[in-house]
Amino acid sequence: GRPLNMEAVPRMPMIWLDLKEAGEFPFANAVRQYILKHYGENPDNYSEELKKLEQLRQSAVNVTRDFEGCSTLRKYFGQLHYLQSRIPMGSGEEAAVPVTWTE
């Protein structure tokens, strides 16, 4: 197919929202314990993936307010959604990690 011409895409005004900030939260340990207990696999097999997810989280926490930043947030959300579909990380669930948000 032809490349998409972005000039033809109407521009919508964006609403400015202040971003919340999250402190550090060590989700990797909870994920590693869950993998060992429920999947019977060595959690060290996932060290590189967890490291990449933590790097993506750092990028999302320090996101730029532009198209690239939106792309980073969307990617991080997708990874969290996928992870949570396999590991119960929601509030009150087995692998939950408390997160503190600040305005």
C-alpha atoms as a PDB file:
ATOM      1  CA  GLY A   1       0.000   0.000   0.000  1.00  0.00           C
ATOM      2  CA  ARG A   2       0.840   3.648  -0.207  1.00  0.00           C
ATOM      3  CA  PRO A   3       2.406   5.472   2.727  1.00  0.00           C
ATOM      4  CA  LEU A   4      -0.123   7.334   4.852  1.00  0.00           C
ATOM      5  CA  ASN A   5      -0.153  11.046   4.190  1.00  0.00           C
ATOM      6  CA  MET A   6      -0.469  12.656   7.620  1.00  0.00           C
ATOM      7  CA  GLU A   7      -1.309  16.008   5.986  1.00  0.00           C
ATOM      8  CA  ALA A   8      -4.779  14.630   5.239  1.00  0.00           C
ATOM      9  CA  VAL A   9      -5.442  13.695   8.867  1.00  0.00           C
ATOM     10  CA  PRO A  10      -7.454  16.426  10.620  1.00  0.00           C
ATOM     11  CA  ARG A  11      -5.745  17.864  13.674  1.00  0.00           C
ATOM     12  CA  MET A  12      -7.709  17.776  16.888  1.00  0.00           C
ATOM     13  CA  PRO A  13      -7.054  20.147  19.752  1.00  0.00           C
ATOM     14  CA  MET A  14      -5.445  18.351  22.656  1.00  0.00           C
ATOM     15  CA  ILE A  15      -6.548  18.715  26.244  1.00  0.00           C
ATOM     16  CA  TRP A  16      -3.683  19.499  28.610  1.00  0.00           C
ATOM     17  CA  LEU A  17      -3.699  17.271  31.682  1.00  0.00           C
ATOM     18  CA  ASP A  18      -1.146  17.270  34.437  1.00  0.00           C
ATOM     19  CA  LEU A  19       0.507  13.888  34.709  1.00  0.00           C
ATOM     20  CA  LYS A  20       0.521  11.998  37.962  1.00  0.00           C
ATOM     21  CA  GLU A  21       3.820  10.682  39.206  1.00  0.00           C
ATOM     22  CA  ALA A  22       4.445   7.275  40.699  1.00  0.00           C
ATOM     23  CA  GLY A  23       7.220   6.530  43.111  1.00  0.00           C
ATOM     24  CA  GLU A  24       9.413   3.485  42.832  1.00  0.00           C
ATOM     25  CA  PHE A  25       7.636   0.163  43.109  1.00  0.00           C
ATOM     26  CA  PRO A  26       9.493  -3.149  42.895  1.00  0.00           C
ATOM     27  CA  PHE A  27       7.077  -5.182  40.754  1.00  0.00           C
ATOM     28  CA  ALA A  28       9.797  -7.541  39.462  1.00  0.00           C
ATOM     29  CA  ASN A  29      10.094  -9.460  42.749  1.00  0.00           C
ATOM     30  CA  ALA A  30       6.346 -10.107  42.927  1.00  0.00           C
ATOM     31  CA  VAL A  31       6.308 -11.254  39.299  1.00  0.00           C
ATOM     32  CA  ARG A  32       9.322 -13.516  39.844  1.00  0.00           C
ATOM     33  CA  GLN A  33       7.711 -15.147  42.898  1.00  0.00           C
ATOM     34  CA  TYR A  34       4.441 -15.682  41.028  1.00  0.00           C
ATOM     35  CA  ILE A  35       6.241 -17.280  38.054  1.00  0.00           C
ATOM     36  CA  LEU A  36       8.033 -19.706  40.351  1.00  0.00           C
ATOM     37  CA  LYS A  37       4.962 -20.606  42.405  1.00  0.00           C
ATOM     38  CA  HIS A  38       2.309 -20.874  39.681  1.00  0.00           C
ATOM     39  CA  TYR A  39       4.212 -21.674  36.503  1.00  0.00           C
ATOM     40  CA  GLY A  40       7.001 -23.760  38.060  1.00  0.00           C
ATOM     41  CA  GLU A  41       9.604 -22.009  35.926  1.00  0.00           C
ATOM     42  CA  ASN A  42      12.892 -20.453  36.913  1.00  0.00           C
ATOM     43  CA  PRO A  43      12.147 -16.718  37.165  1.00  0.00           C
ATOM     44  CA  ASP A  44      15.737 -15.971  36.112  1.00  0.00           C
ATOM     45  CA  ASN A  45      14.620 -16.983  32.606  1.00  0.00           C
ATOM     46  CA  TYR A  46      12.620 -13.729  32.549  1.00  0.00           C
ATOM     47  CA  SER A  47      15.231 -11.379  34.002  1.00  0.00           C
ATOM     48  CA  GLU A  48      15.937  -9.654  30.684  1.00  0.00           C
ATOM     49  CA  GLU A  49      12.228  -9.112  29.968  1.00  0.00           C
ATOM     50  CA  LEU A  50      11.626  -7.719  33.454  1.00  0.00           C
ATOM     51  CA  LYS A  51      14.621  -5.428  33.038  1.00  0.00           C
ATOM     52  CA  LYS A  52      13.211  -4.144  29.723  1.00  0.00           C
ATOM     53  CA  LEU A  53       9.801  -3.601  31.340  1.00  0.00           C
ATOM     54  CA  GLU A  54      11.438  -1.601  34.145  1.00  0.00           C
ATOM     55  CA  GLN A  55      13.283   0.497  31.549  1.00  0.00           C
ATOM     56  CA  LEU A  56       9.990   1.091  29.738  1.00  0.00           C
ATOM     57  CA  ARG A  57       8.405   2.085  33.063  1.00  0.00           C
ATOM     58  CA  GLN A  58      11.198   4.601  33.635  1.00  0.00           C
ATOM     59  CA  SER A  59      10.591   6.008  30.153  1.00  0.00           C
ATOM     60  CA  ALA A  60       6.863   6.252  30.879  1.00  0.00           C
ATOM     61  CA  VAL A  61       7.472   7.997  34.211  1.00  0.00           C
ATOM     62  CA  ASN A  62       9.706  10.578  32.526  1.00  0.00           C
ATOM     63  CA  VAL A  63       7.616  10.843  29.362  1.00  0.00           C
ATOM     64  CA  THR A  64       7.829  13.754  26.949  1.00  0.00           C
ATOM     65  CA  ARG A  65       4.587  15.530  26.158  1.00  0.00           C
ATOM     66  CA  ASP A  66       4.513  14.862  22.455  1.00  0.00           C
ATOM     67  CA  PHE A  67       3.669  12.111  19.966  1.00  0.00           C
ATOM     68  CA  GLU A  68       6.677  10.044  21.051  1.00  0.00           C
ATOM     69  CA  GLY A  69       5.616  10.333  24.700  1.00  0.00           C
ATOM     70  CA  CYS A  70       2.095   9.181  23.845  1.00  0.00           C
ATOM     71  CA  SER A  71       3.598   6.238  21.982  1.00  0.00           C
ATOM     72  CA  THR A  72       5.729   5.337  25.023  1.00  0.00           C
ATOM     73  CA  LEU A  73       2.715   5.471  27.353  1.00  0.00           C
ATOM     74  CA  ARG A  74       0.647   3.364  24.955  1.00  0.00           C
ATOM     75  CA  LYS A  75       3.434   0.767  24.729  1.00  0.00           C
ATOM     76  CA  TYR A  76       3.847   0.646  28.525  1.00  0.00           C
ATOM     77  CA  PHE A  77       0.091   0.314  29.032  1.00  0.00           C
ATOM     78  CA  GLY A  78       0.002  -2.539  26.510  1.00  0.00           C
ATOM     79  CA  GLN A  79       2.820  -4.375  28.279  1.00  0.00           C
ATOM     80  CA  LEU A  80       1.154  -3.952  31.684  1.00  0.00           C
ATOM     81  CA  HIS A  81      -2.185  -5.116  30.278  1.00  0.00           C
ATOM     82  CA  TYR A  82      -0.527  -8.212  28.794  1.00  0.00           C
ATOM     83  CA  LEU A  83       1.380  -8.945  32.015  1.00  0.00           C
ATOM     84  CA  GLN A  84      -1.724  -8.550  34.160  1.00  0.00           C
ATOM     85  CA  SER A  85      -3.611 -10.987  31.923  1.00  0.00           C
ATOM     86  CA  ARG A  86      -1.155 -13.660  33.113  1.00  0.00           C
ATOM     87  CA  ILE A  87      -0.166 -12.466  36.566  1.00  0.00           C
ATOM     88  CA  PRO A  88      -2.797 -11.047  38.967  1.00  0.00           C
ATOM     89  CA  MET A  89      -1.282  -7.673  39.867  1.00  0.00           C
ATOM     90  CA  GLY A  90      -4.430  -5.677  40.608  1.00  0.00           C
ATOM     91  CA  SER A  91      -5.156  -4.237  44.017  1.00  0.00           C
ATOM     92  CA  GLY A  92      -5.728  -7.044  46.521  1.00  0.00           C
ATOM     93  CA  GLU A  93      -4.515  -9.755  44.146  1.00  0.00           C
ATOM     94  CA  GLU A  94      -1.683 -12.178  44.840  1.00  0.00           C
ATOM     95  CA  ALA A  95       1.107 -10.368  42.952  1.00  0.00           C
ATOM     96  CA  ALA A  96      -0.117  -6.842  43.736  1.00  0.00           C
ATOM     97  CA  VAL A  97       2.491  -4.190  44.411  1.00  0.00           C
ATOM     98  CA  PRO A  98       1.376  -0.997  46.164  1.00  0.00           C
ATOM     99  CA  VAL A  99       1.807   2.124  44.040  1.00  0.00           C
ATOM    100  CA  THR A 100       1.750   5.644  45.450  1.00  0.00           C
ATOM    101  CA  TRP A 101       0.684   8.441  43.092  1.00  0.00           C
ATOM    102  CA  THR A 102       1.377  12.126  43.539  1.00  0.00           C
ATOM    103  CA  GLU A 103      -0.154  15.042  41.682  1.00  0.00           C
END
